[in-house]
Amino acid sequence: MVIIPMRPKDAPILPRMPLRLDQMLRQYAAVPLALQGALADVFDVPALDVSVADGDVRMGVAGTGRSGRLLPVSPNRFVSPDVDGLQAEFQRDAWGDVAGLVLKLGDARAYYLQP
């Protein structure tokens, strides 16, 4: 039997923004190199800063102060106009909060989790 937690009655229902205003996601290092594919060499970033400001979602390498814009494709999936073919898909928990991020470039995957 599987028990699915319910949202508390007093919890506000918020719009499905991809993230809170500022979050840092850390790379999940246990992903096999075969699954990381091209991202293992090209996109080996230990942590990402993701932010939402004025309706724009931005992502960049943590600690650099630089970020690039992500364009929405669906409520959880975005594409990067700066890196050709790079997709960012936000993973949500049962309450709709962001729990992680999957970066996709072709068949390659990089996984990032909340610290």
Protein backbone atom coordinates (compact mmCIF):
# COMPACT_ATOMS: atom_id res chain seq x y z
CA MET A 1 0.00 0.00 0.00
CA VAL A 2 1.33 3.42 -0.97
CA ILE A 3 0.43 6.45 1.15
CA ILE A 4 0.50 9.75 -0.73
CA PRO A 5 0.91 12.80 1.51
CA MET A 6 -1.81 15.41 1.21
CA ARG A 7 -1.21 19.15 1.06
CA PRO A 8 -2.11 20.74 4.43
CA LYS A 9 -5.47 22.56 4.30
CA ASP A 10 -3.93 25.88 5.29
CA ALA A 11 -1.12 25.70 2.70
CA PRO A 12 -1.49 28.40 0.02
CA ILE A 13 -1.87 27.35 -3.59
CA LEU A 14 0.73 29.24 -5.58
CA PRO A 15 1.32 29.61 -9.32
CA ARG A 16 3.57 26.94 -10.79
CA MET A 17 6.74 28.99 -10.97
CA PRO A 18 9.78 26.82 -11.63
CA LEU A 19 11.60 27.85 -8.46
CA ARG A 20 11.54 30.04 -5.44
CA LEU A 21 13.27 33.36 -6.01
CA ASP A 22 16.80 32.04 -5.48
CA GLN A 23 17.97 28.46 -5.18
CA MET A 24 21.20 26.56 -5.57
CA LEU A 25 21.19 23.03 -6.93
CA ARG A 26 24.14 20.66 -6.46
CA GLN A 27 25.24 18.09 -9.01
CA TYR A 28 24.32 14.48 -8.23
CA ALA A 29 27.69 12.80 -8.67
CA ALA A 30 26.53 9.16 -8.68
CA VAL A 31 25.25 9.30 -12.27
CA PRO A 32 27.15 6.82 -14.50
CA LEU A 33 29.40 8.38 -17.15
CA ALA A 34 27.48 6.52 -19.85
CA LEU A 35 24.35 8.45 -18.88
CA GLN A 36 26.21 11.76 -18.56
CA GLY A 37 27.47 11.37 -22.12
CA ALA A 38 28.69 14.61 -23.70
CA LEU A 39 27.78 16.60 -20.60
CA ALA A 40 30.47 14.78 -18.59
CA ASP A 41 33.20 16.64 -20.49
CA VAL A 42 31.46 19.82 -21.59
CA PHE A 43 29.22 20.67 -18.65
CA ASP A 44 30.99 19.48 -15.50
CA VAL A 45 29.57 22.08 -13.10
CA PRO A 46 29.33 21.14 -9.40
CA ALA A 47 26.55 23.62 -8.51
CA LEU A 48 24.06 25.87 -10.30
CA ASP A 49 22.33 29.06 -9.19
CA VAL A 50 18.78 29.37 -10.51
CA SER A 51 16.69 32.49 -10.01
CA VAL A 52 13.40 34.01 -11.08
CA ALA A 53 13.17 37.79 -11.51
CA ASP A 54 10.57 39.81 -13.41
CA GLY A 55 9.18 36.62 -14.93
CA ASP A 56 12.57 35.54 -16.33
CA VAL A 57 14.19 32.29 -15.23
CA ARG A 58 17.99 32.50 -15.16
CA MET A 59 20.59 29.79 -14.55
CA GLY A 60 24.34 30.07 -14.05
CA VAL A 61 27.37 28.48 -12.43
CA ALA A 62 27.21 29.02 -8.65
CA GLY A 63 29.53 31.71 -7.34
CA THR A 64 30.33 33.37 -10.69
CA GLY A 65 27.58 35.99 -10.72
CA ARG A 66 26.90 35.25 -14.41
CA SER A 67 23.73 33.62 -15.66
CA GLY A 68 21.87 32.94 -18.86
CA ARG A 69 18.18 33.17 -19.59
CA LEU A 70 16.01 30.05 -19.88
CA LEU A 71 13.01 30.13 -22.22
CA PRO A 72 9.86 28.18 -21.19
CA VAL A 73 8.63 25.22 -23.21
CA SER A 74 6.23 23.88 -20.55
CA PRO A 75 5.65 24.62 -16.83
CA ASN A 76 8.65 22.46 -15.86
CA ARG A 77 10.82 22.45 -18.99
CA PHE A 78 12.98 25.23 -20.38
CA VAL A 79 15.56 25.63 -23.15
CA SER A 80 18.73 27.69 -23.19
CA PRO A 81 19.17 30.04 -26.15
CA ASP A 82 22.89 30.30 -25.25
CA VAL A 83 23.71 26.56 -25.44
CA ASP A 84 22.25 24.99 -28.57
CA GLY A 85 19.93 22.11 -27.65
CA LEU A 86 20.34 22.34 -23.84
CA GLN A 87 17.09 21.66 -21.99
CA ALA A 88 16.44 22.15 -18.27
CA GLU A 89 13.63 20.12 -16.70
CA PHE A 90 12.65 20.87 -13.10
CA GLN A 91 11.61 17.86 -10.99
CA ARG A 92 8.88 18.44 -8.39
CA ASP A 93 7.89 16.69 -5.17
CA ALA A 94 4.31 15.79 -4.14
CA TRP A 95 3.61 19.40 -3.04
CA GLY A 96 4.83 20.93 -6.29
CA ASP A 97 8.07 22.28 -4.85
CA VAL A 98 11.22 21.92 -6.93
CA ALA A 99 13.32 19.00 -5.71
CA GLY A 100 15.85 18.83 -8.54
CA LEU A 101 16.82 19.65 -12.09
CA VAL A 102 17.76 17.49 -15.07
CA LEU A 103 19.88 19.06 -17.81
CA LYS A 104 19.53 17.34 -21.19
CA LEU A 105 21.74 17.70 -24.23
CA GLY A 106 20.79 15.09 -26.81
CA ASP A 107 21.04 11.73 -25.00
CA ALA A 108 23.29 13.12 -22.24
CA ARG A 109 21.92 13.91 -18.77
CA ALA A 110 23.19 15.83 -15.73
CA TYR A 111 21.22 15.67 -12.48
CA TYR A 112 21.10 18.41 -9.82
CA LEU A 113 19.43 18.16 -6.40
CA GLN A 114 18.45 20.55 -3.64
CA PRO A 115 21.18 20.65 -0.95
